[in-house]
């Protein structure tokens, strides 16, 4: 059974905070691995790549969560 457009809009509008946390975690893992690989390619240092990736993970996960919650406040068109 598929949802109508109206049902889909309601489902999106009711995206839970926990779902946003899971989405931000899964995205951060992918993005952090990419950043660490690029950092290693540039620096040639595993330690530096891990440090950059670690810092980036925690800073950007908070920013992504906030970004996700703000977008839920904006009415759809």
C-alpha atoms as a PDB file:
ATOM      1  CA  UNK A   1       0.000   0.000   0.000  1.00  0.00           C
ATOM      2  CA  UNK A   2       1.610   3.286  -1.077  1.00  0.00           C
ATOM      3  CA  UNK A   3       1.108   6.670   0.553  1.00  0.00           C
ATOM      4  CA  UNK A   4      -0.559   9.609  -1.132  1.00  0.00           C
ATOM      5  CA  UNK A   5       1.398  12.825  -1.567  1.00  0.00           C
ATOM      6  CA  UNK A   6      -0.402  14.345   1.429  1.00  0.00           C
ATOM      7  CA  UNK A   7       0.460  11.319   3.593  1.00  0.00           C
ATOM      8  CA  UNK A   8       4.088  11.530   2.494  1.00  0.00           C
ATOM      9  CA  UNK A   9       4.241  15.218   3.443  1.00  0.00           C
ATOM     10  CA  UNK A  10       2.821  14.461   6.895  1.00  0.00           C
ATOM     11  CA  UNK A  11       5.290  11.580   7.346  1.00  0.00           C
ATOM     12  CA  UNK A  12       8.200  13.875   6.442  1.00  0.00           C
ATOM     13  CA  UNK A  13       6.945  16.635   8.739  1.00  0.00           C
ATOM     14  CA  UNK A  14       6.810  14.138  11.639  1.00  0.00           C
ATOM     15  CA  UNK A  15      10.388  12.938  11.203  1.00  0.00           C
ATOM     16  CA  UNK A  16      11.408  12.195  14.793  1.00  0.00           C
ATOM     17  CA  UNK A  17      14.421  13.586  16.599  1.00  0.00           C
ATOM     18  CA  UNK A  18      15.753  10.037  17.013  1.00  0.00           C
ATOM     19  CA  UNK A  19      15.469   9.411  13.261  1.00  0.00           C
ATOM     20  CA  UNK A  20      17.409  12.638  12.677  1.00  0.00           C
ATOM     21  CA  UNK A  21      20.106  11.382  15.060  1.00  0.00           C
ATOM     22  CA  UNK A  22      20.375   8.053  13.196  1.00  0.00           C
ATOM     23  CA  UNK A  23      20.502   9.827   9.836  1.00  0.00           C
ATOM     24  CA  UNK A  24      23.187  12.210  11.046  1.00  0.00           C
ATOM     25  CA  UNK A  25      25.268   9.338  12.470  1.00  0.00           C
ATOM     26  CA  UNK A  26      25.138   7.277   9.280  1.00  0.00           C
ATOM     27  CA  UNK A  27      26.008  10.276   7.146  1.00  0.00           C
ATOM     28  CA  UNK A  28      28.846  11.318   9.456  1.00  0.00           C
ATOM     29  CA  UNK A  29      30.462   7.890   9.248  1.00  0.00           C
ATOM     30  CA  UNK A  30      30.503   8.106   5.434  1.00  0.00           C
ATOM     31  CA  UNK A  31      31.648  11.720   5.360  1.00  0.00           C
ATOM     32  CA  UNK A  32      34.290  11.258   8.059  1.00  0.00           C
ATOM     33  CA  UNK A  33      35.824   8.306   6.249  1.00  0.00           C
ATOM     34  CA  UNK A  34      36.010  10.442   3.117  1.00  0.00           C
ATOM     35  CA  UNK A  35      37.641  13.304   5.031  1.00  0.00           C
ATOM     36  CA  UNK A  36      40.158  10.975   6.704  1.00  0.00           C
ATOM     37  CA  UNK A  37      41.111   9.420   3.349  1.00  0.00           C
ATOM     38  CA  UNK A  38      41.621  12.858   1.820  1.00  0.00           C
ATOM     39  CA  UNK A  39      43.603  14.015   4.877  1.00  0.00           C
ATOM     40  CA  UNK A  40      45.831  10.943   4.617  1.00  0.00           C
ATOM     41  CA  UNK A  41      46.334  11.503   0.882  1.00  0.00           C
ATOM     42  CA  UNK A  42      47.418  15.090   1.547  1.00  0.00           C
ATOM     43  CA  UNK A  43      49.490  14.622   4.723  1.00  0.00           C
ATOM     44  CA  UNK A  44      50.701  11.032   4.356  1.00  0.00           C
ATOM     45  CA  UNK A  45      50.158  10.665   8.110  1.00  0.00           C
ATOM     46  CA  UNK A  46      47.658   8.218   9.605  1.00  0.00           C
ATOM     47  CA  UNK A  47      47.801  10.059  12.933  1.00  0.00           C
ATOM     48  CA  UNK A  48      46.962  13.392  11.326  1.00  0.00           C
ATOM     49  CA  UNK A  49      44.207  11.829   9.212  1.00  0.00           C
ATOM     50  CA  UNK A  50      42.643  10.249  12.324  1.00  0.00           C
ATOM     51  CA  UNK A  51      42.878  13.529  14.248  1.00  0.00           C
ATOM     52  CA  UNK A  52      41.261  15.528  11.445  1.00  0.00           C
ATOM     53  CA  UNK A  53      38.563  12.875  10.966  1.00  0.00           C
ATOM     54  CA  UNK A  54      37.851  12.718  14.697  1.00  0.00           C
ATOM     55  CA  UNK A  55      37.461  16.457  15.094  1.00  0.00           C
ATOM     56  CA  UNK A  56      35.368  16.703  11.949  1.00  0.00           C
ATOM     57  CA  UNK A  57      33.054  13.880  13.096  1.00  0.00           C
ATOM     58  CA  UNK A  58      31.981  15.540  16.333  1.00  0.00           C
ATOM     59  CA  UNK A  59      31.746  19.111  15.037  1.00  0.00           C
ATOM     60  CA  UNK A  60      29.784  18.289  11.916  1.00  0.00           C
ATOM     61  CA  UNK A  61      27.407  15.794  13.515  1.00  0.00           C
ATOM     62  CA  UNK A  62      26.054  18.575  15.711  1.00  0.00           C
ATOM     63  CA  UNK A  63      25.815  20.954  12.772  1.00  0.00           C
ATOM     64  CA  UNK A  64      23.979  18.374  10.662  1.00  0.00           C
ATOM     65  CA  UNK A  65      21.453  17.632  13.419  1.00  0.00           C
ATOM     66  CA  UNK A  66      20.724  21.352  13.844  1.00  0.00           C
ATOM     67  CA  UNK A  67      20.435  21.786  10.072  1.00  0.00           C
ATOM     68  CA  UNK A  68      18.002  18.860   9.857  1.00  0.00           C
ATOM     69  CA  UNK A  69      15.799  20.261  12.655  1.00  0.00           C
ATOM     70  CA  UNK A  70      15.735  23.771  11.137  1.00  0.00           C
ATOM     71  CA  UNK A  71      14.574  22.380   7.793  1.00  0.00           C
ATOM     72  CA  UNK A  72      11.666  20.694   9.547  1.00  0.00           C
ATOM     73  CA  UNK A  73      10.496  24.150  10.699  1.00  0.00           C
ATOM     74  CA  UNK A  74      10.259  25.437   7.135  1.00  0.00           C
ATOM     75  CA  UNK A  75       6.805  24.860   5.643  1.00  0.00           C
ATOM     76  CA  UNK A  76       6.728  22.860   2.400  1.00  0.00           C
ATOM     77  CA  UNK A  77       5.681  24.478  -0.818  1.00  0.00           C
END
